Amino acid sequence: MVRDATLADDLVQECLERALSRLHLWRPGTNLRAWLFTILRNLHINGVRRRQPVVDIDAEAQAAIGAAPGSQFVRMELRDLRRALALLPNEQREVVLLIGLEGISYNEAADILGISIGTVKSRLSRGRRALRLLMEGESPSDDADA
């Protein structure tokens, strides 16, 4: 969610502190991972409200592009991807990052975001389509009828 490793560590630490202080709110038998991701997401959103939003693209994304980390091609692709992600509506960006980058399931994403699985699938589909168009240099609204 964040680009800076130090900020990520701080975010995780704050999440764990908050979870421990509110452990009485977690219901045994429910998805602990989803509960923690929800806390993490809410803390991140609060932080974003205080500063400029950032999107993290890590080494796995570089490997997926198929180029050596640090190469000019990778830097350009990642720059373009960050810009495209920043242009997505928040609802689509959240789902794309949770499922595409974090690798969580549709069910977990639905729990974390407090939405139905159908809504997760819809936002993911629209987000991926918009990303593809943006990466191709088109505006997602240019192809609204497709």
N, C-alpha and C. Protein backbone atom coordinates (compact mmCIF):
# COMPACT_ATOMS: atom_id res chain seq x y z
N MET A 1 0.81 -1.19 0.00
CA MET A 1 0.00 0.00 0.00
C MET A 1 0.86 1.26 0.00
N VAL A 2 2.02 1.18 0.66
CA VAL A 2 2.90 2.34 0.69
C VAL A 2 4.22 1.99 0.03
N ARG A 3 4.89 2.98 -0.49
CA ARG A 3 6.12 2.78 -1.24
C ARG A 3 7.34 2.68 -0.33
N ASP A 4 7.31 3.32 0.80
CA ASP A 4 8.44 3.41 1.70
C ASP A 4 8.41 2.27 2.72
N ALA A 5 9.52 1.52 2.82
CA ALA A 5 9.58 0.38 3.74
C ALA A 5 9.40 0.81 5.19
N THR A 6 9.95 1.95 5.55
CA THR A 6 9.81 2.45 6.92
C THR A 6 8.36 2.78 7.23
N LEU A 7 7.68 3.43 6.28
CA LEU A 7 6.25 3.73 6.48
C LEU A 7 5.44 2.44 6.57
N ALA A 8 5.79 1.45 5.77
CA ALA A 8 5.08 0.17 5.81
C ALA A 8 5.27 -0.50 7.17
N ASP A 9 6.50 -0.48 7.68
CA ASP A 9 6.75 -1.05 9.01
C ASP A 9 5.94 -0.32 10.08
N ASP A 10 5.93 1.00 9.99
CA ASP A 10 5.15 1.79 10.95
C ASP A 10 3.67 1.46 10.86
N LEU A 11 3.18 1.31 9.64
CA LEU A 11 1.77 0.99 9.42
C LEU A 11 1.41 -0.37 10.01
N VAL A 12 2.27 -1.36 9.79
CA VAL A 12 2.03 -2.70 10.34
C VAL A 12 2.08 -2.66 11.86
N GLN A 13 3.06 -1.96 12.42
CA GLN A 13 3.17 -1.86 13.87
C GLN A 13 1.93 -1.19 14.46
N GLU A 14 1.50 -0.10 13.85
CA GLU A 14 0.30 0.59 14.33
C GLU A 14 -0.93 -0.31 14.21
N CYS A 15 -0.99 -1.09 13.13
CA CYS A 15 -2.10 -2.02 12.94
C CYS A 15 -2.13 -3.06 14.05
N LEU A 16 -0.97 -3.63 14.36
CA LEU A 16 -0.91 -4.65 15.41
C LEU A 16 -1.24 -4.06 16.78
N GLU A 17 -0.76 -2.85 17.04
CA GLU A 17 -1.10 -2.19 18.30
C GLU A 17 -2.60 -1.98 18.42
N ARG A 18 -3.20 -1.50 17.34
CA ARG A 18 -4.64 -1.26 17.34
C ARG A 18 -5.40 -2.58 17.50
N ALA A 19 -4.95 -3.62 16.80
CA ALA A 19 -5.62 -4.92 16.89
C ALA A 19 -5.54 -5.48 18.31
N LEU A 20 -4.37 -5.38 18.92
CA LEU A 20 -4.22 -5.89 20.29
C LEU A 20 -5.08 -5.10 21.28
N SER A 21 -5.15 -3.79 21.09
CA SER A 21 -5.95 -2.99 22.01
C SER A 21 -7.45 -3.20 21.80
N ARG A 22 -7.82 -3.72 20.64
CA ARG A 22 -9.24 -3.95 20.34
C ARG A 22 -9.53 -5.42 20.07
N LEU A 23 -8.70 -6.28 20.64
CA LEU A 23 -8.87 -7.72 20.42
C LEU A 23 -10.24 -8.21 20.86
N HIS A 24 -10.81 -7.55 21.84
CA HIS A 24 -12.14 -7.93 22.32
C HIS A 24 -13.22 -7.75 21.24
N LEU A 25 -12.92 -6.97 20.20
CA LEU A 25 -13.89 -6.75 19.12
C LEU A 25 -13.84 -7.85 18.05
N TRP A 26 -12.75 -8.61 18.02
CA TRP A 26 -12.65 -9.69 17.04
C TRP A 26 -13.45 -10.89 17.53
N ARG A 27 -14.22 -11.46 16.61
CA ARG A 27 -15.05 -12.60 16.96
C ARG A 27 -14.36 -13.89 16.54
N PRO A 28 -14.02 -14.76 17.49
CA PRO A 28 -13.41 -16.05 17.12
C PRO A 28 -14.29 -16.78 16.11
N GLY A 29 -13.64 -17.41 15.17
CA GLY A 29 -14.37 -18.11 14.12
C GLY A 29 -14.52 -17.28 12.86
N THR A 30 -14.23 -15.98 12.96
CA THR A 30 -14.26 -15.14 11.77
C THR A 30 -12.85 -15.05 11.20
N ASN A 31 -12.72 -14.43 10.07
CA ASN A 31 -11.46 -14.36 9.35
C ASN A 31 -10.54 -13.31 9.98
N LEU A 32 -9.54 -13.76 10.72
CA LEU A 32 -8.61 -12.86 11.39
C LEU A 32 -7.82 -12.03 10.39
N ARG A 33 -7.40 -12.66 9.29
CA ARG A 33 -6.63 -11.94 8.27
C ARG A 33 -7.45 -10.77 7.69
N ALA A 34 -8.71 -11.03 7.41
CA ALA A 34 -9.57 -9.98 6.87
C ALA A 34 -9.75 -8.85 7.89
N TRP A 35 -9.89 -9.21 9.16
CA TRP A 35 -10.04 -8.20 10.21
C TRP A 35 -8.79 -7.33 10.29
N LEU A 36 -7.61 -7.97 10.25
CA LEU A 36 -6.35 -7.21 10.29
C LEU A 36 -6.18 -6.34 9.05
N PHE A 37 -6.52 -6.88 7.88
CA PHE A 37 -6.42 -6.08 6.66
C PHE A 37 -7.35 -4.87 6.72
N THR A 38 -8.51 -5.05 7.32
CA THR A 38 -9.45 -3.93 7.46
C THR A 38 -8.85 -2.83 8.33
N ILE A 39 -8.25 -3.24 9.44
CA ILE A 39 -7.59 -2.26 10.31
C ILE A 39 -6.46 -1.58 9.55
N LEU A 40 -5.64 -2.37 8.85
CA LEU A 40 -4.52 -1.83 8.09
C LEU A 40 -5.00 -0.85 7.02
N ARG A 41 -6.04 -1.24 6.32
CA ARG A 41 -6.60 -0.39 5.27
C ARG A 41 -7.10 0.93 5.84
N ASN A 42 -7.83 0.85 6.94
CA ASN A 42 -8.36 2.07 7.56
C ASN A 42 -7.24 2.99 8.04
N LEU A 43 -6.20 2.41 8.62
CA LEU A 43 -5.06 3.22 9.04
C LEU A 43 -4.37 3.86 7.84
N HIS A 44 -4.25 3.09 6.77
CA HIS A 44 -3.63 3.61 5.56
C HIS A 44 -4.45 4.77 4.98
N ILE A 45 -5.77 4.59 4.93
CA ILE A 45 -6.65 5.64 4.41
C ILE A 45 -6.51 6.91 5.26
N ASN A 46 -6.46 6.75 6.57
CA ASN A 46 -6.28 7.91 7.45
C ASN A 46 -4.95 8.61 7.15
N GLY A 47 -3.91 7.81 6.90
CA GLY A 47 -2.61 8.39 6.56
C GLY A 47 -2.63 9.09 5.22
N VAL A 48 -3.32 8.51 4.25
CA VAL A 48 -3.42 9.10 2.92
C VAL A 48 -4.14 10.44 2.99
N ARG A 49 -5.11 10.53 3.84
CA ARG A 49 -5.84 11.79 3.99
C ARG A 49 -4.93 12.90 4.50
N ARG A 50 -3.88 12.51 5.21
CA ARG A 50 -2.94 13.50 5.75
C ARG A 50 -1.81 13.83 4.79
N ARG A 51 -1.62 13.00 3.74
CA ARG A 51 -0.53 13.26 2.80
C ARG A 51 -0.93 12.81 1.41
N GLN A 52 -0.04 12.98 0.46
CA GLN A 52 -0.29 12.60 -0.94
C GLN A 52 -0.37 11.07 -1.04
N PRO A 53 -1.35 10.52 -1.77
CA PRO A 53 -1.44 9.07 -1.91
C PRO A 53 -0.26 8.49 -2.68
N VAL A 54 0.15 7.29 -2.24
CA VAL A 54 1.23 6.58 -2.91
C VAL A 54 0.79 5.15 -3.17
N VAL A 55 1.34 4.56 -4.23
CA VAL A 55 1.04 3.18 -4.58
C VAL A 55 2.35 2.43 -4.65
N ASP A 56 2.40 1.26 -4.04
CA ASP A 56 3.62 0.47 -4.02
C ASP A 56 3.59 -0.59 -5.11
N ILE A 57 4.66 -0.64 -5.89
CA ILE A 57 4.86 -1.70 -6.87
C ILE A 57 6.20 -2.32 -6.52
N ASP A 58 6.21 -3.59 -6.11
CA ASP A 58 7.44 -4.19 -5.61
C ASP A 58 8.17 -5.02 -6.66
N ALA A 59 9.18 -5.75 -6.22
CA ALA A 59 10.01 -6.56 -7.10
C ALA A 59 9.21 -7.64 -7.83
N GLU A 60 8.14 -8.14 -7.20
CA GLU A 60 7.31 -9.14 -7.87
C GLU A 60 6.69 -8.56 -9.14
N ALA A 61 6.28 -7.32 -9.08
CA ALA A 61 5.72 -6.67 -10.26
C ALA A 61 6.79 -6.52 -11.33
N GLN A 62 8.01 -6.21 -10.91
CA GLN A 62 9.11 -6.11 -11.87
C GLN A 62 9.34 -7.45 -12.55
N ALA A 63 9.32 -8.53 -11.77
CA ALA A 63 9.52 -9.86 -12.34
C ALA A 63 8.39 -10.21 -13.30
N ALA A 64 7.17 -9.80 -12.97
CA ALA A 64 6.03 -10.09 -13.83
C ALA A 64 6.14 -9.38 -15.17
N ILE A 65 6.77 -8.22 -15.17
CA ILE A 65 6.96 -7.49 -16.43
C ILE A 65 7.96 -8.22 -17.31
N GLY A 66 8.88 -8.98 -16.70
CA GLY A 66 9.82 -9.78 -17.47
C GLY A 66 11.11 -9.06 -17.79
N ALA A 67 11.49 -8.10 -16.99
CA ALA A 67 12.74 -7.38 -17.22
C ALA A 67 13.55 -7.37 -15.94
N ALA A 68 14.83 -7.13 -16.08
CA ALA A 68 15.71 -7.09 -14.92
C ALA A 68 15.36 -5.90 -14.05
N PRO A 69 15.28 -6.14 -12.71
CA PRO A 69 15.01 -5.02 -11.82
C PRO A 69 16.04 -3.91 -12.02
N GLY A 70 15.55 -2.68 -12.02
CA GLY A 70 16.44 -1.55 -12.17
C GLY A 70 16.67 -1.12 -13.60
N SER A 71 16.21 -1.92 -14.57
CA SER A 71 16.43 -1.54 -15.96
C SER A 71 15.55 -0.34 -16.32
N GLN A 72 15.95 0.37 -17.34
CA GLN A 72 15.20 1.55 -17.79
C GLN A 72 13.77 1.16 -18.16
N PHE A 73 13.61 0.03 -18.84
CA PHE A 73 12.28 -0.44 -19.24
C PHE A 73 11.39 -0.64 -18.02
N VAL A 74 11.93 -1.31 -17.01
CA VAL A 74 11.14 -1.57 -15.80
C VAL A 74 10.75 -0.26 -15.13
N ARG A 75 11.69 0.65 -15.01
CA ARG A 75 11.38 1.93 -14.36
C ARG A 75 10.28 2.67 -15.11
N MET A 76 10.34 2.65 -16.43
CA MET A 76 9.31 3.33 -17.22
C MET A 76 7.95 2.65 -17.07
N GLU A 77 7.94 1.31 -17.14
CA GLU A 77 6.68 0.57 -16.99
C GLU A 77 6.07 0.79 -15.61
N LEU A 78 6.90 0.74 -14.57
CA LEU A 78 6.40 0.94 -13.22
C LEU A 78 5.90 2.36 -13.01
N ARG A 79 6.59 3.33 -13.59
CA ARG A 79 6.15 4.72 -13.51
C ARG A 79 4.77 4.86 -14.16
N ASP A 80 4.62 4.27 -15.35
CA ASP A 80 3.34 4.33 -16.05
C ASP A 80 2.25 3.61 -15.28
N LEU A 81 2.59 2.47 -14.67
CA LEU A 81 1.61 1.72 -13.89
C LEU A 81 1.18 2.50 -12.66
N ARG A 82 2.13 3.13 -11.98
CA ARG A 82 1.78 3.96 -10.81
C ARG A 82 0.84 5.09 -11.21
N ARG A 83 1.15 5.73 -12.32
CA ARG A 83 0.29 6.82 -12.79
C ARG A 83 -1.10 6.31 -13.13
N ALA A 84 -1.16 5.17 -13.81
CA ALA A 84 -2.46 4.60 -14.18
C ALA A 84 -3.25 4.22 -12.94
N LEU A 85 -2.59 3.59 -11.96
CA LEU A 85 -3.27 3.23 -10.72
C LEU A 85 -3.80 4.47 -10.00
N ALA A 86 -3.02 5.52 -10.02
CA ALA A 86 -3.44 6.76 -9.34
C ALA A 86 -4.68 7.37 -10.00
N LEU A 87 -4.89 7.08 -11.28
CA LEU A 87 -6.05 7.62 -12.00
C LEU A 87 -7.33 6.81 -11.78
N LEU A 88 -7.19 5.59 -11.28
CA LEU A 88 -8.38 4.77 -11.04
C LEU A 88 -9.20 5.34 -9.89
N PRO A 89 -10.51 5.16 -9.94
CA PRO A 89 -11.32 5.52 -8.77
C PRO A 89 -10.85 4.69 -7.56
N ASN A 90 -10.92 5.26 -6.37
CA ASN A 90 -10.44 4.57 -5.16
C ASN A 90 -11.02 3.17 -5.02
N GLU A 91 -12.31 3.01 -5.31
CA GLU A 91 -12.95 1.71 -5.14
C GLU A 91 -12.31 0.65 -6.03
N GLN A 92 -12.00 1.01 -7.26
CA GLN A 92 -11.36 0.07 -8.18
C GLN A 92 -9.91 -0.17 -7.78
N ARG A 93 -9.20 0.89 -7.42
CA ARG A 93 -7.79 0.76 -7.05
C ARG A 93 -7.63 -0.16 -5.85
N GLU A 94 -8.50 -0.02 -4.84
CA GLU A 94 -8.42 -0.87 -3.65
C GLU A 94 -8.53 -2.34 -4.02
N VAL A 95 -9.52 -2.67 -4.84
CA VAL A 95 -9.73 -4.07 -5.21
C VAL A 95 -8.57 -4.59 -6.06
N VAL A 96 -8.11 -3.79 -7.02
CA VAL A 96 -6.99 -4.21 -7.87
C VAL A 96 -5.76 -4.48 -7.02
N LEU A 97 -5.47 -3.60 -6.06
CA LEU A 97 -4.28 -3.78 -5.23
C LEU A 97 -4.43 -4.95 -4.26
N LEU A 98 -5.60 -5.10 -3.65
CA LEU A 98 -5.79 -6.21 -2.72
C LEU A 98 -5.67 -7.56 -3.41
N ILE A 99 -6.31 -7.70 -4.56
CA ILE A 99 -6.31 -8.99 -5.25
C ILE A 99 -5.07 -9.16 -6.12
N GLY A 100 -4.74 -8.13 -6.88
CA GLY A 100 -3.61 -8.24 -7.80
C GLY A 100 -2.25 -8.17 -7.15
N LEU A 101 -2.09 -7.30 -6.17
CA LEU A 101 -0.78 -7.12 -5.55
C LEU A 101 -0.64 -7.92 -4.26
N GLU A 102 -1.65 -7.87 -3.41
CA GLU A 102 -1.59 -8.59 -2.14
C GLU A 102 -1.92 -10.07 -2.30
N GLY A 103 -2.61 -10.43 -3.38
CA GLY A 103 -2.91 -11.83 -3.66
C GLY A 103 -3.96 -12.44 -2.76
N ILE A 104 -4.87 -11.62 -2.24
CA ILE A 104 -5.91 -12.18 -1.39
C ILE A 104 -7.08 -12.65 -2.24
N SER A 105 -7.93 -13.46 -1.65
CA SER A 105 -9.07 -14.02 -2.38
C SER A 105 -10.19 -13.00 -2.51
N TYR A 106 -11.13 -13.30 -3.41
CA TYR A 106 -12.30 -12.43 -3.57
C TYR A 106 -13.08 -12.34 -2.26
N ASN A 107 -13.22 -13.49 -1.58
CA ASN A 107 -13.96 -13.51 -0.31
C ASN A 107 -13.31 -12.60 0.72
N GLU A 108 -11.97 -12.70 0.83
CA GLU A 108 -11.26 -11.86 1.79
C GLU A 108 -11.38 -10.38 1.43
N ALA A 109 -11.27 -10.07 0.15
CA ALA A 109 -11.41 -8.68 -0.29
C ALA A 109 -12.80 -8.16 0.05
N ALA A 110 -13.82 -8.99 -0.16
CA ALA A 110 -15.19 -8.58 0.17
C ALA A 110 -15.33 -8.31 1.66
N ASP A 111 -14.73 -9.18 2.50
CA ASP A 111 -14.77 -8.98 3.95
C ASP A 111 -14.06 -7.70 4.35
N ILE A 112 -12.87 -7.49 3.80
CA ILE A 112 -12.06 -6.33 4.16
C ILE A 112 -12.77 -5.03 3.78
N LEU A 113 -13.36 -5.01 2.59
CA LEU A 113 -13.98 -3.79 2.08
C LEU A 113 -15.44 -3.64 2.51
N GLY A 114 -16.01 -4.70 3.07
CA GLY A 114 -17.40 -4.64 3.50
C GLY A 114 -18.38 -4.56 2.34
N ILE A 115 -18.06 -5.28 1.25
CA ILE A 115 -18.92 -5.29 0.06
C ILE A 115 -19.15 -6.74 -0.35
N SER A 116 -20.07 -6.95 -1.29
CA SER A 116 -20.36 -8.31 -1.75
C SER A 116 -19.27 -8.80 -2.71
N ILE A 117 -19.20 -10.11 -2.89
CA ILE A 117 -18.23 -10.69 -3.81
C ILE A 117 -18.53 -10.22 -5.24
N GLY A 118 -19.79 -10.10 -5.58
CA GLY A 118 -20.16 -9.60 -6.90
C GLY A 118 -19.62 -8.20 -7.15
N THR A 119 -19.67 -7.36 -6.12
CA THR A 119 -19.14 -6.01 -6.24
C THR A 119 -17.63 -6.04 -6.39
N VAL A 120 -16.96 -6.94 -5.67
CA VAL A 120 -15.51 -7.11 -5.81
C VAL A 120 -15.17 -7.47 -7.24
N LYS A 121 -15.88 -8.46 -7.79
CA LYS A 121 -15.61 -8.91 -9.16
C LYS A 121 -15.85 -7.79 -10.17
N SER A 122 -16.92 -7.04 -9.97
CA SER A 122 -17.25 -5.95 -10.87
C SER A 122 -16.18 -4.86 -10.83
N ARG A 123 -15.79 -4.46 -9.62
CA ARG A 123 -14.77 -3.42 -9.48
C ARG A 123 -13.42 -3.89 -10.03
N LEU A 124 -13.10 -5.17 -9.81
CA LEU A 124 -11.84 -5.71 -10.32
C LEU A 124 -11.84 -5.72 -11.84
N SER A 125 -12.93 -6.15 -12.42
CA SER A 125 -13.03 -6.19 -13.88
C SER A 125 -12.91 -4.79 -14.48
N ARG A 126 -13.65 -3.86 -13.91
CA ARG A 126 -13.60 -2.48 -14.41
C ARG A 126 -12.22 -1.86 -14.18
N GLY A 127 -11.63 -2.15 -13.03
CA GLY A 127 -10.31 -1.61 -12.73
C GLY A 127 -9.24 -2.15 -13.66
N ARG A 128 -9.28 -3.46 -13.91
CA ARG A 128 -8.30 -4.06 -14.83
C ARG A 128 -8.46 -3.51 -16.24
N ARG A 129 -9.70 -3.38 -16.67
CA ARG A 129 -9.97 -2.84 -18.01
C ARG A 129 -9.45 -1.41 -18.12
N ALA A 130 -9.75 -0.60 -17.10
CA ALA A 130 -9.29 0.79 -17.11
C ALA A 130 -7.77 0.86 -17.09
N LEU A 131 -7.12 -0.01 -16.29
CA LEU A 131 -5.65 -0.03 -16.27
C LEU A 131 -5.09 -0.38 -17.63
N ARG A 132 -5.67 -1.39 -18.26
CA ARG A 132 -5.19 -1.80 -19.58
C ARG A 132 -5.29 -0.64 -20.57
N LEU A 133 -6.44 0.03 -20.57
CA LEU A 133 -6.62 1.17 -21.47
C LEU A 133 -5.65 2.30 -21.16
N LEU A 134 -5.48 2.60 -19.88
CA LEU A 134 -4.56 3.66 -19.50
C LEU A 134 -3.13 3.33 -19.89
N MET A 135 -2.74 2.07 -19.73
CA MET A 135 -1.38 1.65 -20.09
C MET A 135 -1.18 1.70 -21.60
N GLU A 136 -2.27 1.58 -22.35
CA GLU A 136 -2.20 1.67 -23.82
C GLU A 136 -2.32 3.12 -24.29
N GLY A 137 -2.43 4.05 -23.35
CA GLY A 137 -2.49 5.47 -23.69
C GLY A 137 -3.88 5.97 -24.02
N GLU A 138 -4.89 5.18 -23.69
CA GLU A 138 -6.27 5.59 -23.95
C GLU A 138 -6.94 5.99 -22.64
N SER A 139 -8.01 6.72 -22.76
CA SER A 139 -8.81 7.07 -21.60
C SER A 139 -9.89 6.01 -21.42
N PRO A 140 -10.10 5.51 -20.20
CA PRO A 140 -11.15 4.51 -19.99
C PRO A 140 -12.52 5.00 -20.43
N SER A 141 -12.77 6.29 -20.37
CA SER A 141 -14.07 6.83 -20.78
C SER A 141 -14.22 6.85 -22.29
N ASP A 142 -13.08 6.79 -23.03
CA ASP A 142 -13.15 6.76 -24.50
C ASP A 142 -13.83 5.50 -25.01
N ASP A 143 -13.75 4.43 -24.20
CA ASP A 143 -14.25 3.13 -24.63
C ASP A 143 -15.40 2.68 -23.74
N ALA A 144 -16.23 3.61 -23.32
CA ALA A 144 -17.29 3.32 -22.36
C ALA A 144 -18.36 2.39 -22.90
N ASP A 145 -18.53 2.32 -24.21
CA ASP A 145 -19.59 1.48 -24.78
C ASP A 145 -19.17 0.03 -24.94
N ALA A 146 -17.91 -0.29 -24.82
CA ALA A 146 -17.43 -1.66 -25.04
C ALA A 146 -17.74 -2.56 -23.89
